Each structure stands twice: as structure tokens, then as C-alpha cells.
Amino acid sequence: MPGHYVFIKCSNISSIEWHPFSISSHSANGEENFSLHIRARGDWTEKLKNKIAGKLQSSKCQTLPETFQSFKFFIDGPFCSPLQDVLSYKACVCIAGGIGITPFVSVFEFLR
């Protein structure tokens, strides 16, 4: 469902910290996959960015799955968002900016 979010934990960064991220798109054909847009803002996301960038620079492999085999992510969710009711109205005005646009992108993809 558009606008949902998940909590992510990466044991390569912290074994106890969970962080919420909006689902920006999901598979419409029944597959169990989704996309997140993550902006490096704060210690945890900055560490994630640096670890991923370091892996990409030091890796000789050409595909992302091989590069990230050493990363262990835990996902909790998805959870409903305040946007879940936006589809029940005939007209709606949505205002967002920056990384806050991600739940709206998911709604727009769903409506397309």
C-alpha cells in the first residue's frame, strides 16, 4: 500500500538501533520487494552511506548483490501511514519537500 513505512536495522552499524523509512515504491505484480530512498542525515544514515560507498569503492565485483552480501539488514513492517486514507477522497492536496516526498511518490506510483 502506498505511503507505508518500515523500520530498518543494519547490524554492520548498530545491533540495537532501528530507523523508520518510507517505502517509495513496491512491486505491483505480487513479488515481495520494495524500494526505499534514504537521505544521509544524522549519524546512523551517514555511517550507512559511508559503509556502502566504501564497499563499492573497494569491491572488484560488478553487481550490487555480491557487494552487499556482508551486510545484514533486519526489516520490521510495513506499517500504515497517515497517507493511507488519501485514496478514499475524490480530491486531495498533498504538500511535501526534501526526503519527505517519498511517501507521496509511492502514492503517485500507485495511482499511475
Protein backbone atom coordinates (compact mmCIF):
# COMPACT_ATOMS: atom_id res chain seq x y z
CA MET A 1 0.00 0.00 0.00
CA PRO A 2 1.37 3.43 -0.84
CA GLY A 3 2.72 5.59 1.94
CA HIS A 4 3.64 2.72 4.25
CA TYR A 5 6.93 2.65 6.13
CA VAL A 6 9.32 0.10 7.62
CA PHE A 7 11.88 0.08 10.39
CA ILE A 8 15.39 -0.95 9.34
CA LYS A 9 18.28 -2.17 11.45
CA CYS A 10 21.73 -2.80 10.00
CA SER A 11 23.90 -4.89 12.31
CA ASN A 12 27.01 -3.60 10.49
CA ILE A 13 26.24 -0.20 12.04
CA SER A 14 24.39 -0.92 15.29
CA SER A 15 22.92 -4.04 16.83
CA ILE A 16 20.18 -2.12 18.65
CA GLU A 17 19.17 0.93 16.57
CA TRP A 18 16.08 0.79 14.35
CA HIS A 19 15.25 3.63 11.95
CA PRO A 20 11.99 4.35 10.07
CA PHE A 21 11.99 4.78 6.29
CA SER A 22 9.11 5.43 3.92
CA ILE A 23 8.52 2.89 1.19
CA SER A 24 8.90 4.83 -2.04
CA SER A 25 7.73 2.04 -4.36
CA HIS A 26 6.67 -1.57 -4.20
CA SER A 27 6.13 -4.43 -6.59
CA ALA A 28 2.69 -4.45 -8.17
CA ASN A 29 2.98 -7.98 -9.58
CA GLY A 30 2.84 -9.84 -6.27
CA GLU A 31 6.59 -10.08 -5.73
CA GLU A 32 7.84 -9.28 -2.25
CA ASN A 33 10.17 -6.37 -2.94
CA PHE A 34 10.13 -2.64 -2.34
CA SER A 35 12.33 0.44 -2.64
CA LEU A 36 13.47 2.93 -0.04
CA HIS A 37 15.02 6.33 -0.62
CA ILE A 38 17.45 7.12 2.18
CA ARG A 39 18.98 10.52 2.71
CA ALA A 40 22.20 10.60 4.74
CA ARG A 41 21.16 12.90 7.54
CA GLY A 42 22.38 12.07 11.01
CA ASP A 43 24.94 9.67 12.42
CA TRP A 44 23.25 6.38 11.53
CA THR A 45 22.42 7.16 7.89
CA GLU A 46 25.82 8.83 7.41
CA LYS A 47 27.52 5.63 8.65
CA LEU A 48 25.34 3.57 6.31
CA LYS A 49 26.27 5.77 3.36
CA ASN A 50 29.99 5.61 4.18
CA LYS A 51 29.97 1.83 4.61
CA ILE A 52 28.14 1.31 1.31
CA ALA A 53 30.39 3.78 -0.52
CA GLY A 54 33.45 2.07 0.96
CA LYS A 55 32.22 -1.34 -0.20
CA LEU A 56 31.55 -0.07 -3.71
CA GLN A 57 35.00 1.54 -3.97
CA SER A 58 36.92 -1.43 -2.58
CA SER A 59 34.92 -4.14 -4.34
CA LYS A 60 36.03 -5.76 -7.57
CA CYS A 61 32.62 -7.28 -8.23
CA GLN A 62 30.24 -5.67 -10.67
CA THR A 63 26.86 -6.41 -9.12
CA LEU A 64 25.27 -4.95 -6.01
CA PRO A 65 24.07 -8.27 -4.53
CA GLU A 66 27.69 -9.53 -4.39
CA THR A 67 28.85 -6.24 -2.88
CA PHE A 68 26.30 -6.30 -0.05
CA GLN A 69 26.48 -9.95 0.98
CA SER A 70 28.35 -8.92 4.13
CA PHE A 71 25.57 -6.50 5.15
CA LYS A 72 22.84 -7.84 7.40
CA PHE A 73 19.61 -5.84 7.38
CA PHE A 74 16.56 -6.51 9.53
CA ILE A 75 13.17 -5.16 8.45
CA ASP A 76 10.11 -4.66 10.65
CA GLY A 77 6.85 -3.73 8.96
CA PRO A 78 5.35 -2.48 6.77
CA PHE A 79 3.26 -0.15 8.89
CA CYS A 80 0.39 2.11 7.85
CA SER A 81 0.95 5.80 7.39
CA PRO A 82 -1.29 8.86 7.65
CA LEU A 83 -1.46 8.75 3.84
CA GLN A 84 -3.44 5.51 3.85
CA ASP A 85 -6.73 7.45 3.77
CA VAL A 86 -5.70 9.80 0.97
CA LEU A 87 -7.01 7.34 -1.64
CA SER A 88 -10.53 7.42 -0.17
CA TYR A 89 -11.13 11.07 -1.16
CA LYS A 90 -12.15 12.43 -4.57
CA ALA A 91 -9.65 15.28 -4.30
CA CYS A 92 -6.70 15.86 -2.03
CA VAL A 93 -3.90 18.42 -1.70
CA CYS A 94 -0.55 16.96 -0.64
CA ILE A 95 2.44 19.13 0.25
CA ALA A 96 5.93 17.72 0.86
CA GLY A 97 9.56 18.56 0.30
CA GLY A 98 13.00 17.04 0.60
CA ILE A 99 13.14 13.42 1.70
CA GLY A 100 9.53 13.84 2.94
CA ILE A 101 8.43 13.37 -0.66
CA THR A 102 9.00 9.59 -0.56
CA PRO A 103 5.57 8.56 0.80
CA PHE A 104 3.92 10.73 -1.84
CA VAL A 105 5.99 9.15 -4.62
CA SER A 106 4.59 5.80 -3.55
CA VAL A 107 1.02 7.15 -3.69
CA PHE A 108 1.61 8.65 -7.15
CA GLU A 109 3.09 5.36 -8.41
CA PHE A 110 0.06 3.51 -7.06
CA LEU A 111 -2.34 5.88 -8.84
CA ARG A 112 -0.47 5.72 -12.13
